[in-house]
Amino acid sequence: PNAFSPDESKLYFQVSFFNGFVEYDVAEDRITRIKTLP
């Protein structure tokens, strides 16, 4: 599952096996933050 911010500048997505999610900057084409959840 994935979701874009309302201004469509960031993409948030989950990946297999990971307890957390990733933030991707659409314009810069790079991952900016990764959040690990409990």
Full PDB file with SEQRES, HELIX, SHEET, SSBOND, CRYST1, ORIGX, SCALE, CONECT and MASTER records, all heavy atoms in Angstrom:
SEQRES   1 A   38  PRO ASN ALA PHE SER PRO ASP GLU SER LYS LEU TYR PHE          
SEQRES   2 A   38  GLN VAL SER PHE PHE ASN GLY PHE VAL GLU TYR ASP VAL          
SEQRES   3 A   38  ALA GLU ASP ARG ILE THR ARG ILE LYS THR LEU PRO              
SHEET    1 AA1 4 ASN A   2  PHE A   4  0                                        
SHEET    2 AA1 4 LYS A  10  PHE A  13 -1                                        
SHEET    3 AA1 4 GLY A  20  ASP A  25 -1                                        
SHEET    4 AA1 4 ARG A  30  THR A  36 -1                                        
CRYST1    1.000    1.000    1.000  90.00  90.00  90.00 P 1           1          
ORIGX1      1.000000  0.000000  0.000000        0.00000                         
ORIGX2      0.000000  1.000000  0.000000        0.00000                         
ORIGX3      0.000000  0.000000  1.000000        0.00000                         
SCALE1      1.000000  0.000000  0.000000        0.00000                         
SCALE2      0.000000  1.000000  0.000000        0.00000                         
SCALE3      0.000000  0.000000  1.000000        0.00000                         
ATOM      1  N   PRO A   1       0.823  -1.216   0.000  1.00  0.00           N  
ATOM      2  CA  PRO A   1       0.000   0.000   0.000  1.00  0.00           C  
ATOM      3  C   PRO A   1       0.855   1.264   0.000  1.00  0.00           C  
ATOM      4  O   PRO A   1       1.936   1.322   0.596  1.00  0.00           O  
ATOM      5  CB  PRO A   1      -0.798  -0.141   1.299  1.00  0.00           C  
ATOM      6  CG  PRO A   1      -0.968  -1.615   1.445  1.00  0.00           C  
ATOM      7  CD  PRO A   1       0.343  -2.189   1.003  1.00  0.00           C  
ATOM      8  N   ASN A   2       0.366   2.283  -0.687  1.00  0.00           N  
ATOM      9  CA  ASN A   2       1.099   3.539  -0.788  1.00  0.00           C  
ATOM     10  C   ASN A   2       0.115   4.696  -0.853  1.00  0.00           C  
ATOM     11  O   ASN A   2      -1.052   4.513  -1.207  1.00  0.00           O  
ATOM     12  CB  ASN A   2       2.039   3.530  -1.987  1.00  0.00           C  
ATOM     13  CG  ASN A   2       1.347   3.190  -3.288  1.00  0.00           C  
ATOM     14  OD1 ASN A   2       0.800   4.052  -3.968  1.00  0.00           O  
ATOM     15  ND2 ASN A   2       1.353   1.903  -3.662  1.00  0.00           N  
ATOM     16  N   ALA A   3       0.584   5.879  -0.501  1.00  0.00           N  
ATOM     17  CA  ALA A   3      -0.279   7.056  -0.488  1.00  0.00           C  
ATOM     18  C   ALA A   3       0.559   8.298  -0.755  1.00  0.00           C  
ATOM     19  O   ALA A   3       1.692   8.404  -0.268  1.00  0.00           O  
ATOM     20  CB  ALA A   3      -0.988   7.195   0.854  1.00  0.00           C  
ATOM     21  N   PHE A   4      -0.003   9.221  -1.531  1.00  0.00           N  
ATOM     22  CA  PHE A   4       0.672  10.469  -1.836  1.00  0.00           C  
ATOM     23  C   PHE A   4       0.173  11.581  -0.915  1.00  0.00           C  
ATOM     24  O   PHE A   4      -0.984  11.595  -0.501  1.00  0.00           O  
ATOM     25  CB  PHE A   4       0.434  10.878  -3.289  1.00  0.00           C  
ATOM     26  CG  PHE A   4       1.271  10.108  -4.267  1.00  0.00           C  
ATOM     27  CD1 PHE A   4       0.928   8.812  -4.615  1.00  0.00           C  
ATOM     28  CD2 PHE A   4       2.398  10.668  -4.839  1.00  0.00           C  
ATOM     29  CE1 PHE A   4       1.699   8.087  -5.509  1.00  0.00           C  
ATOM     30  CE2 PHE A   4       3.177   9.952  -5.726  1.00  0.00           C  
ATOM     31  CZ  PHE A   4       2.830   8.660  -6.075  1.00  0.00           C  
ATOM     32  N   SER A   5       1.069  12.505  -0.605  1.00  0.00           N  
ATOM     33  CA  SER A   5       0.668  13.685   0.159  1.00  0.00           C  
ATOM     34  C   SER A   5      -0.307  14.509  -0.687  1.00  0.00           C  
ATOM     35  O   SER A   5      -0.325  14.403  -1.916  1.00  0.00           O  
ATOM     36  CB  SER A   5       1.896  14.520   0.517  1.00  0.00           C  
ATOM     37  OG  SER A   5       2.580  14.955  -0.659  1.00  0.00           O  
ATOM     38  N   PRO A   6      -1.142  15.340  -0.039  1.00  0.00           N  
ATOM     39  CA  PRO A   6      -2.135  16.109  -0.814  1.00  0.00           C  
ATOM     40  C   PRO A   6      -1.526  16.976  -1.907  1.00  0.00           C  
ATOM     41  O   PRO A   6      -2.145  17.165  -2.958  1.00  0.00           O  
ATOM     42  CB  PRO A   6      -2.822  16.954   0.262  1.00  0.00           C  
ATOM     43  CG  PRO A   6      -2.708  16.137   1.506  1.00  0.00           C  
ATOM     44  CD  PRO A   6      -1.358  15.488   1.414  1.00  0.00           C  
ATOM     45  N   ASP A   7      -0.317  17.503  -1.698  1.00  0.00           N  
ATOM     46  CA  ASP A   7       0.311  18.307  -2.750  1.00  0.00           C  
ATOM     47  C   ASP A   7       1.098  17.461  -3.742  1.00  0.00           C  
ATOM     48  O   ASP A   7       1.732  17.987  -4.655  1.00  0.00           O  
ATOM     49  CB  ASP A   7       1.209  19.393  -2.155  1.00  0.00           C  
ATOM     50  CG  ASP A   7       2.410  18.816  -1.403  1.00  0.00           C  
ATOM     51  OD1 ASP A   7       2.578  17.574  -1.371  1.00  0.00           O  
ATOM     52  OD2 ASP A   7       3.189  19.613  -0.856  1.00  0.00           O  
ATOM     53  N   GLU A   8       1.058  16.145  -3.546  1.00  0.00           N  
ATOM     54  CA  GLU A   8       1.673  15.166  -4.448  1.00  0.00           C  
ATOM     55  C   GLU A   8       3.188  15.275  -4.535  1.00  0.00           C  
ATOM     56  O   GLU A   8       3.812  14.744  -5.446  1.00  0.00           O  
ATOM     57  CB  GLU A   8       1.055  15.273  -5.845  1.00  0.00           C  
ATOM     58  CG  GLU A   8      -0.442  15.053  -5.840  1.00  0.00           C  
ATOM     59  CD  GLU A   8      -1.085  15.206  -7.202  1.00  0.00           C  
ATOM     60  OE1 GLU A   8      -0.441  15.742  -8.125  1.00  0.00           O  
ATOM     61  OE2 GLU A   8      -2.247  14.796  -7.340  1.00  0.00           O  
ATOM     62  N   SER A   9       3.800  15.929  -3.539  1.00  0.00           N  
ATOM     63  CA  SER A   9       5.254  16.055  -3.549  1.00  0.00           C  
ATOM     64  C   SER A   9       5.940  14.843  -2.927  1.00  0.00           C  
ATOM     65  O   SER A   9       7.100  14.566  -3.235  1.00  0.00           O  
ATOM     66  CB  SER A   9       5.682  17.315  -2.797  1.00  0.00           C  
ATOM     67  OG  SER A   9       5.342  17.219  -1.414  1.00  0.00           O  
ATOM     68  N   LYS A  10       5.238  14.142  -2.056  1.00  0.00           N  
ATOM     69  CA  LYS A  10       5.821  13.002  -1.369  1.00  0.00           C  
ATOM     70  C   LYS A  10       4.961  11.753  -1.570  1.00  0.00           C  
ATOM     71  O   LYS A  10       3.731  11.820  -1.611  1.00  0.00           O  
ATOM     72  CB  LYS A  10       5.934  13.265   0.134  1.00  0.00           C  
ATOM     73  CG  LYS A  10       6.852  14.415   0.516  1.00  0.00           C  
ATOM     74  CD  LYS A  10       8.297  14.102   0.228  1.00  0.00           C  
ATOM     75  CE  LYS A  10       9.243  15.099   0.901  1.00  0.00           C  
ATOM     76  NZ  LYS A  10       9.055  16.497   0.449  1.00  0.00           N  
ATOM     77  N   LEU A  11       5.642  10.624  -1.695  1.00  0.00           N  
ATOM     78  CA  LEU A  11       4.997   9.322  -1.760  1.00  0.00           C  
ATOM     79  C   LEU A  11       5.415   8.522  -0.537  1.00  0.00           C  
ATOM     80  O   LEU A  11       6.610   8.433  -0.223  1.00  0.00           O  
ATOM     81  CB  LEU A  11       5.419   8.579  -3.030  1.00  0.00           C  
ATOM     82  CG  LEU A  11       5.146   7.066  -3.089  1.00  0.00           C  
ATOM     83  CD1 LEU A  11       3.643   6.800  -3.117  1.00  0.00           C  
ATOM     84  CD2 LEU A  11       5.826   6.442  -4.297  1.00  0.00           C  
ATOM     85  N   TYR A  12       4.439   7.973   0.162  1.00  0.00           N  
ATOM     86  CA  TYR A  12       4.704   7.105   1.312  1.00  0.00           C  
ATOM     87  C   TYR A  12       4.308   5.687   0.926  1.00  0.00           C  
ATOM     88  O   TYR A  12       3.240   5.472   0.355  1.00  0.00           O  
ATOM     89  CB  TYR A  12       3.913   7.583   2.525  1.00  0.00           C  
ATOM     90  CG  TYR A  12       4.314   8.967   2.945  1.00  0.00           C  
ATOM     91  CD1 TYR A  12       3.689  10.086   2.398  1.00  0.00           C  
ATOM     92  CD2 TYR A  12       5.360   9.174   3.849  1.00  0.00           C  
ATOM     93  CE1 TYR A  12       4.080  11.369   2.747  1.00  0.00           C  
ATOM     94  CE2 TYR A  12       5.756  10.451   4.205  1.00  0.00           C  
ATOM     95  CZ  TYR A  12       5.113  11.546   3.644  1.00  0.00           C  
ATOM     96  OH  TYR A  12       5.518  12.815   3.983  1.00  0.00           O  
ATOM     97  N   PHE A  13       5.185   4.726   1.221  1.00  0.00           N  
ATOM     98  CA  PHE A  13       4.859   3.350   0.836  1.00  0.00           C  
ATOM     99  C   PHE A  13       5.412   2.348   1.836  1.00  0.00           C  
ATOM    100  O   PHE A  13       6.404   2.596   2.524  1.00  0.00           O  
ATOM    101  CB  PHE A  13       5.357   3.038  -0.578  1.00  0.00           C  
ATOM    102  CG  PHE A  13       6.840   3.139  -0.794  1.00  0.00           C  
ATOM    103  CD1 PHE A  13       7.670   2.037  -0.626  1.00  0.00           C  
ATOM    104  CD2 PHE A  13       7.429   4.332  -1.212  1.00  0.00           C  
ATOM    105  CE1 PHE A  13       9.042   2.112  -0.847  1.00  0.00           C  
ATOM    106  CE2 PHE A  13       8.795   4.418  -1.446  1.00  0.00           C  
ATOM    107  CZ  PHE A  13       9.608   3.314  -1.258  1.00  0.00           C  
ATOM    108  N   GLN A  14       4.724   1.214   1.920  1.00  0.00           N  
ATOM    109  CA  GLN A  14       5.167   0.080   2.719  1.00  0.00           C  
ATOM    110  C   GLN A  14       5.810  -0.947   1.804  1.00  0.00           C  
ATOM    111  O   GLN A  14       5.483  -1.020   0.615  1.00  0.00           O  
ATOM    112  CB  GLN A  14       3.976  -0.532   3.456  1.00  0.00           C  
ATOM    113  CG  GLN A  14       3.357   0.405   4.476  1.00  0.00           C  
ATOM    114  CD  GLN A  14       1.966  -0.018   4.905  1.00  0.00           C  
ATOM    115  OE1 GLN A  14       1.141  -0.384   4.079  1.00  0.00           O  
ATOM    116  NE2 GLN A  14       1.676   0.052   6.194  1.00  0.00           N  
ATOM    117  N   VAL A  15       6.736  -1.721   2.343  1.00  0.00           N  
ATOM    118  CA  VAL A  15       7.385  -2.772   1.572  1.00  0.00           C  
ATOM    119  C   VAL A  15       7.255  -4.097   2.321  1.00  0.00           C  
ATOM    120  O   VAL A  15       7.007  -4.126   3.529  1.00  0.00           O  
ATOM    121  CB  VAL A  15       8.877  -2.462   1.297  1.00  0.00           C  
ATOM    122  CG1 VAL A  15       9.015  -1.184   0.487  1.00  0.00           C  
ATOM    123  CG2 VAL A  15       9.674  -2.383   2.590  1.00  0.00           C  
ATOM    124  N   SER A  16       7.419  -5.169   1.604  1.00  0.00           N  
ATOM    125  CA  SER A  16       7.322  -6.497   2.212  1.00  0.00           C  
ATOM    126  C   SER A  16       8.269  -6.629   3.411  1.00  0.00           C  
ATOM    127  O   SER A  16       9.392  -6.106   3.388  1.00  0.00           O  
ATOM    128  CB  SER A  16       7.654  -7.573   1.183  1.00  0.00           C  
ATOM    129  OG  SER A  16       6.660  -7.667   0.199  1.00  0.00           O  
ATOM    130  N   PHE A  17       7.788  -7.318   4.443  1.00  0.00           N  
ATOM    131  CA  PHE A  17       8.565  -7.730   5.615  1.00  0.00           C  
ATOM    132  C   PHE A  17       8.949  -6.598   6.569  1.00  0.00           C  
ATOM    133  O   PHE A  17       9.585  -6.867   7.589  1.00  0.00           O  
ATOM    134  CB  PHE A  17       9.858  -8.457   5.191  1.00  0.00           C  
ATOM    135  CG  PHE A  17       9.662  -9.585   4.240  1.00  0.00           C  
ATOM    136  CD1 PHE A  17      10.188  -9.543   2.963  1.00  0.00           C  
ATOM    137  CD2 PHE A  17       8.945 -10.713   4.623  1.00  0.00           C  
ATOM    138  CE1 PHE A  17      10.008 -10.597   2.075  1.00  0.00           C  
ATOM    139  CE2 PHE A  17       8.769 -11.771   3.748  1.00  0.00           C  
ATOM    140  CZ  PHE A  17       9.297 -11.708   2.465  1.00  0.00           C  
ATOM    141  N   PHE A  18       8.576  -5.358   6.294  1.00  0.00           N  
ATOM    142  CA  PHE A  18       9.075  -4.223   7.084  1.00  0.00           C  
ATOM    143  C   PHE A  18       7.986  -3.648   7.978  1.00  0.00           C  
ATOM    144  O   PHE A  18       6.886  -3.345   7.505  1.00  0.00           O  
ATOM    145  CB  PHE A  18       9.607  -3.138   6.140  1.00  0.00           C  
ATOM    146  CG  PHE A  18      10.186  -1.926   6.832  1.00  0.00           C  
ATOM    147  CD1 PHE A  18      11.082  -2.069   7.874  1.00  0.00           C  
ATOM    148  CD2 PHE A  18       9.827  -0.646   6.424  1.00  0.00           C  
ATOM    149  CE1 PHE A  18      11.626  -0.950   8.502  1.00  0.00           C  
ATOM    150  CE2 PHE A  18      10.359   0.474   7.039  1.00  0.00           C  
ATOM    151  CZ  PHE A  18      11.267   0.323   8.093  1.00  0.00           C  
ATOM    152  N   ASN A  19       8.310  -3.470   9.254  1.00  0.00           N  
ATOM    153  CA  ASN A  19       7.398  -2.821  10.196  1.00  0.00           C  
ATOM    154  C   ASN A  19       7.670  -1.317  10.194  1.00  0.00           C  
ATOM    155  O   ASN A  19       8.296  -0.748  11.074  1.00  0.00           O  
ATOM    156  CB  ASN A  19       7.569  -3.398  11.611  1.00  0.00           C  
ATOM    157  CG  ASN A  19       9.014  -3.397  12.083  1.00  0.00           C  
ATOM    158  OD1 ASN A  19       9.868  -4.044  11.463  1.00  0.00           O  
ATOM    159  ND2 ASN A  19       9.305  -2.705  13.162  1.00  0.00           N  
ATOM    160  N   GLY A  20       7.165  -0.677   9.138  1.00  0.00           N  
ATOM    161  CA  GLY A  20       7.371   0.752   8.980  1.00  0.00           C  
ATOM    162  C   GLY A  20       7.033   1.169   7.570  1.00  0.00           C  
ATOM    163  O   GLY A  20       6.332   0.467   6.842  1.00  0.00           O  
ATOM    164  N   PHE A  21       7.534   2.337   7.161  1.00  0.00           N  
ATOM    165  CA  PHE A  21       7.228   2.844   5.821  1.00  0.00           C  
ATOM    166  C   PHE A  21       8.345   3.766   5.346  1.00  0.00           C  
ATOM    167  O   PHE A  21       9.240   4.149   6.124  1.00  0.00           O  
ATOM    168  CB  PHE A  21       5.877   3.564   5.802  1.00  0.00           C  
ATOM    169  CG  PHE A  21       5.787   4.740   6.745  1.00  0.00           C  
ATOM    170  CD1 PHE A  21       6.163   6.014   6.344  1.00  0.00           C  
ATOM    171  CD2 PHE A  21       5.326   4.566   8.051  1.00  0.00           C  
ATOM    172  CE1 PHE A  21       6.079   7.089   7.214  1.00  0.00           C  
ATOM    173  CE2 PHE A  21       5.236   5.636   8.933  1.00  0.00           C  
ATOM    174  CZ  PHE A  21       5.618   6.910   8.517  1.00  0.00           C  
ATOM    175  N   VAL A  22       8.272   4.118   4.078  1.00  0.00           N  
ATOM    176  CA  VAL A  22       9.313   4.896   3.415  1.00  0.00           C  
ATOM    177  C   VAL A  22       8.695   6.172   2.850  1.00  0.00           C  
ATOM    178  O   VAL A  22       7.570   6.165   2.355  1.00  0.00           O  
ATOM    179  CB  VAL A  22       9.952   4.070   2.269  1.00  0.00           C  
ATOM    180  CG1 VAL A  22      11.016   4.878   1.533  1.00  0.00           C  
ATOM    181  CG2 VAL A  22      10.541   2.769   2.812  1.00  0.00           C  
ATOM    182  N   GLU A  23       9.439   7.268   2.929  1.00  0.00           N  
ATOM    183  CA  GLU A  23       9.031   8.535   2.309  1.00  0.00           C  
ATOM    184  C   GLU A  23       9.912   8.794   1.094  1.00  0.00           C  
ATOM    185  O   GLU A  23      11.142   8.740   1.179  1.00  0.00           O  
ATOM    186  CB  GLU A  23       9.185   9.684   3.301  1.00  0.00           C  
ATOM    187  CG  GLU A  23       8.805  11.057   2.730  1.00  0.00           C  
ATOM    188  CD  GLU A  23       9.138  12.188   3.681  1.00  0.00           C  
ATOM    189  OE1 GLU A  23      10.346  12.541   3.789  1.00  0.00           O  
ATOM    190  OE2 GLU A  23       8.209  12.700   4.343  1.00  0.00           O  
ATOM    191  N   TYR A  24       9.279   9.084  -0.033  1.00  0.00           N  
ATOM    192  CA  TYR A  24       9.976   9.286  -1.308  1.00  0.00           C  
ATOM    193  C   TYR A  24       9.616  10.661  -1.840  1.00  0.00           C  
ATOM    194  O   TYR A  24       8.431  11.014  -1.939  1.00  0.00           O  
ATOM    195  CB  TYR A  24       9.557   8.192  -2.281  1.00  0.00           C  
ATOM    196  CG  TYR A  24       9.974   8.371  -3.717  1.00  0.00           C  
ATOM    197  CD1 TYR A  24      11.294   8.147  -4.117  1.00  0.00           C  
ATOM    198  CD2 TYR A  24       9.043   8.732  -4.687  1.00  0.00           C  
ATOM    199  CE1 TYR A  24      11.659   8.284  -5.445  1.00  0.00           C  
ATOM    200  CE2 TYR A  24       9.401   8.868  -6.015  1.00  0.00           C  
ATOM    201  CZ  TYR A  24      10.717   8.653  -6.394  1.00  0.00           C  
ATOM    202  OH  TYR A  24      11.063   8.789  -7.717  1.00  0.00           O  
ATOM    203  N   ASP A  25      10.632  11.468  -2.166  1.00  0.00           N  
ATOM    204  CA  ASP A  25      10.417  12.778  -2.766  1.00  0.00           C  
ATOM    205  C   ASP A  25      10.249  12.621  -4.274  1.00  0.00           C  
ATOM    206  O   ASP A  25      11.159  12.149  -4.958  1.00  0.00           O  
ATOM    207  CB  ASP A  25      11.598  13.699  -2.451  1.00  0.00           C  
ATOM    208  CG  ASP A  25      11.341  15.135  -2.868  1.00  0.00           C  
ATOM    209  OD1 ASP A  25      11.309  15.406  -4.094  1.00  0.00           O  
ATOM    210  OD2 ASP A  25      11.168  15.985  -1.966  1.00  0.00           O  
ATOM    211  N   VAL A  26       9.072  12.985  -4.779  1.00  0.00           N  
ATOM    212  CA  VAL A  26       8.748  12.732  -6.178  1.00  0.00           C  
ATOM    213  C   VAL A  26       9.616  13.576  -7.103  1.00  0.00           C  
ATOM    214  O   VAL A  26      10.180  13.073  -8.081  1.00  0.00           O  
ATOM    215  CB  VAL A  26       7.248  12.999  -6.433  1.00  0.00           C  
ATOM    216  CG1 VAL A  26       6.911  12.797  -7.909  1.00  0.00           C  
ATOM    217  CG2 VAL A  26       6.388  12.091  -5.567  1.00  0.00           C  
ATOM    218  N   ALA A  27       9.749  14.865  -6.829  1.00  0.00           N  
ATOM    219  CA  ALA A  27      10.512  15.744  -7.712  1.00  0.00           C  
ATOM    220  C   ALA A  27      11.995  15.420  -7.709  1.00  0.00           C  
ATOM    221  O   ALA A  27      12.651  15.411  -8.753  1.00  0.00           O  
ATOM    222  CB  ALA A  27      10.288  17.204  -7.318  1.00  0.00           C  
ATOM    223  N   GLU A  28      12.532  15.124  -6.524  1.00  0.00           N  
ATOM    224  CA  GLU A  28      13.962  14.835  -6.419  1.00  0.00           C  
ATOM    225  C   GLU A  28      14.289  13.389  -6.759  1.00  0.00           C  
ATOM    226  O   GLU A  28      15.458  13.035  -6.886  1.00  0.00           O  
ATOM    227  CB  GLU A  28      14.457  15.160  -5.011  1.00  0.00           C  
ATOM    228  CG  GLU A  28      14.362  16.646  -4.667  1.00  0.00           C  
ATOM    229  CD  GLU A  28      14.895  16.944  -3.272  1.00  0.00           C  
ATOM    230  OE1 GLU A  28      15.468  16.022  -2.645  1.00  0.00           O  
ATOM    231  OE2 GLU A  28      14.739  18.089  -2.821  1.00  0.00           O  
ATOM    232  N   ASP A  29      13.274  12.541  -6.896  1.00  0.00           N  
ATOM    233  CA  ASP A  29      13.458  11.129  -7.242  1.00  0.00           C  
ATOM    234  C   ASP A  29      14.415  10.439  -6.273  1.00  0.00           C  
ATOM    235  O   ASP A  29      15.353   9.760  -6.660  1.00  0.00           O  
ATOM    236  CB  ASP A  29      13.966  10.994  -8.685  1.00  0.00           C  
ATOM    237  CG  ASP A  29      14.051   9.540  -9.144  1.00  0.00           C  
ATOM    238  OD1 ASP A  29      13.341   8.694  -8.552  1.00  0.00           O  
ATOM    239  OD2 ASP A  29      14.822   9.254 -10.081  1.00  0.00           O  
ATOM    240  N   ARG A  30      14.146  10.630  -4.975  1.00  0.00           N  
ATOM    241  CA  ARG A  30      14.993   9.983  -3.968  1.00  0.00           C  
ATOM    242  C   ARG A  30      14.199   9.751  -2.694  1.00  0.00           C  
ATOM    243  O   ARG A  30      13.210  10.427  -2.417  1.00  0.00           O  
ATOM    244  CB  ARG A  30      16.232  10.809  -3.673  1.00  0.00           C  
ATOM    245  CG  ARG A  30      15.960  12.109  -2.940  1.00  0.00           C  
ATOM    246  CD  ARG A  30      17.246  12.911  -2.743  1.00  0.00           C  
ATOM    247  NE  ARG A  30      16.993  14.135  -1.990  1.00  0.00           N  
ATOM    248  CZ  ARG A  30      17.090  14.222  -0.656  1.00  0.00           C  
ATOM    249  NH1 ARG A  30      17.450  13.156   0.054  1.00  0.00           N  
ATOM    250  NH2 ARG A  30      16.849  15.371  -0.025  1.00  0.00           N  
ATOM    251  N   ILE A  31      14.660   8.774  -1.930  1.00  0.00           N  
ATOM    252  CA  ILE A  31      14.066   8.485  -0.633  1.00  0.00           C  
ATOM    253  C   ILE A  31      14.630   9.462   0.385  1.00  0.00           C  
ATOM    254  O   ILE A  31      15.850   9.646   0.486  1.00  0.00           O  
ATOM    255  CB  ILE A  31      14.333   7.028  -0.241  1.00  0.00           C  
ATOM    256  CG1 ILE A  31      13.479   6.097  -1.126  1.00  0.00           C  
ATOM    257  CG2 ILE A  31      14.049   6.784   1.231  1.00  0.00           C  
ATOM    258  CD1 ILE A  31      13.862   4.659  -1.047  1.00  0.00           C  
ATOM    259  N   THR A  32      13.738  10.102   1.128  1.00  0.00           N  
ATOM    260  CA  THR A  32      14.150  11.137   2.069  1.00  0.00           C  
ATOM    261  C   THR A  32      14.123  10.674   3.524  1.00  0.00           C  
ATOM    262  O   THR A  32      14.961  11.094   4.324  1.00  0.00           O  
ATOM    263  CB  THR A  32      13.273  12.386   1.898  1.00  0.00           C  
ATOM    264  OG1 THR A  32      11.893  11.999   1.804  1.00  0.00           O  
ATOM    265  CG2 THR A  32      13.652  13.127   0.617  1.00  0.00           C  
ATOM    266  N   ARG A  33      13.149   9.864   3.898  1.00  0.00           N  
ATOM    267  CA  ARG A  33      13.079   9.375   5.278  1.00  0.00           C  
ATOM    268  C   ARG A  33      12.532   7.957   5.293  1.00  0.00           C  
ATOM    269  O   ARG A  33      11.736   7.579   4.433  1.00  0.00           O  
ATOM    270  CB  ARG A  33      12.187  10.279   6.141  1.00  0.00           C  
ATOM    271  CG  ARG A  33      12.717  11.678   6.338  1.00  0.00           C  
ATOM    272  CD  ARG A  33      11.854  12.471   7.325  1.00  0.00           C  
ATOM    273  NE  ARG A  33      10.541  12.772   6.790  1.00  0.00           N  
ATOM    274  CZ  ARG A  33       9.590  13.419   7.463  1.00  0.00           C  
ATOM    275  NH1 ARG A  33       9.816  13.810   8.720  1.00  0.00           N  
ATOM    276  NH2 ARG A  33       8.418  13.674   6.908  1.00  0.00           N  
ATOM    277  N   ILE A  34      12.947   7.194   6.299  1.00  0.00           N  
ATOM    278  CA  ILE A  34      12.427   5.844   6.521  1.00  0.00           C  
ATOM    279  C   ILE A  34      12.042   5.736   7.988  1.00  0.00           C  
ATOM    280  O   ILE A  34      12.845   6.043   8.878  1.00  0.00           O  
ATOM    281  CB  ILE A  34      13.459   4.767   6.147  1.00  0.00           C  
ATOM    282  CG1 ILE A  34      13.787   4.847   4.645  1.00  0.00           C  
ATOM    283  CG2 ILE A  34      12.938   3.375   6.510  1.00  0.00           C  
ATOM    284  CD1 ILE A  34      14.892   3.919   4.194  1.00  0.00           C  
ATOM    285  N   LYS A  35      10.806   5.340   8.235  1.00  0.00           N  
ATOM    286  CA  LYS A  35      10.296   5.246   9.594  1.00  0.00           C  
ATOM    287  C   LYS A  35      10.121   3.791   9.999  1.00  0.00           C  
ATOM    288  O   LYS A  35       9.393   3.040   9.339  1.00  0.00           O  
ATOM    289  CB  LYS A  35       8.948   5.968   9.707  1.00  0.00           C  
ATOM    290  CG  LYS A  35       8.227   5.777  11.023  1.00  0.00           C  
ATOM    291  CD  LYS A  35       8.976   6.401  12.196  1.00  0.00           C  
ATOM    292  CE  LYS A  35       8.156   6.290  13.482  1.00  0.00           C  
ATOM    293  NZ  LYS A  35       8.870   6.878  14.651  1.00  0.00           N  
ATOM    294  N   THR A  36      10.773   3.392  11.069  1.00  0.00           N  
ATOM    295  CA  THR A  36      10.574   2.069  11.648  1.00  0.00           C  
ATOM    296  C   THR A  36       9.593   2.189  12.809  1.00  0.00           C  
ATOM    297  O   THR A  36       9.792   3.005  13.708  1.00  0.00           O  
ATOM    298  CB  THR A  36      11.893   1.475  12.156  1.00  0.00           C  
ATOM    299  OG1 THR A  36      12.817   1.383  11.069  1.00  0.00           O  
ATOM    300  CG2 THR A  36      11.673   0.087  12.740  1.00  0.00           C  
ATOM    301  N   LEU A  37       8.534   1.408  12.758  1.00  0.00           N  
ATOM    302  CA  LEU A  37       7.513   1.429  13.798  1.00  0.00           C  
ATOM    303  C   LEU A  37       7.728   0.281  14.778  1.00  0.00           C  
ATOM    304  O   LEU A  37       8.427  -0.691  14.464  1.00  0.00           O  
ATOM    305  CB  LEU A  37       6.124   1.355  13.160  1.00  0.00           C  
ATOM    306  CG  LEU A  37       5.673   2.646  12.471  1.00  0.00           C  
ATOM    307  CD1 LEU A  37       4.464   2.395  11.576  1.00  0.00           C  
ATOM    308  CD2 LEU A  37       5.359   3.734  13.495  1.00  0.00           C  
ATOM    309  N   PRO A  38       7.138   0.368  15.965  1.00  0.00           N  
ATOM    310  CA  PRO A  38       7.373  -0.666  16.984  1.00  0.00           C  
ATOM    311  C   PRO A  38       6.956  -2.061  16.529  1.00  0.00           C  
ATOM    312  O   PRO A  38       5.992  -2.229  15.777  1.00  0.00           O  
ATOM    313  CB  PRO A  38       6.506  -0.195  18.163  1.00  0.00           C  
ATOM    314  CG  PRO A  38       6.359   1.272  17.974  1.00  0.00           C  
ATOM    315  CD  PRO A  38       6.305   1.472  16.484  1.00  0.00           C  
TER     316      PRO A  38                                                      
MASTER        0    0    0    0    4    0    0    6  315    1    0    3          
END                                                                             
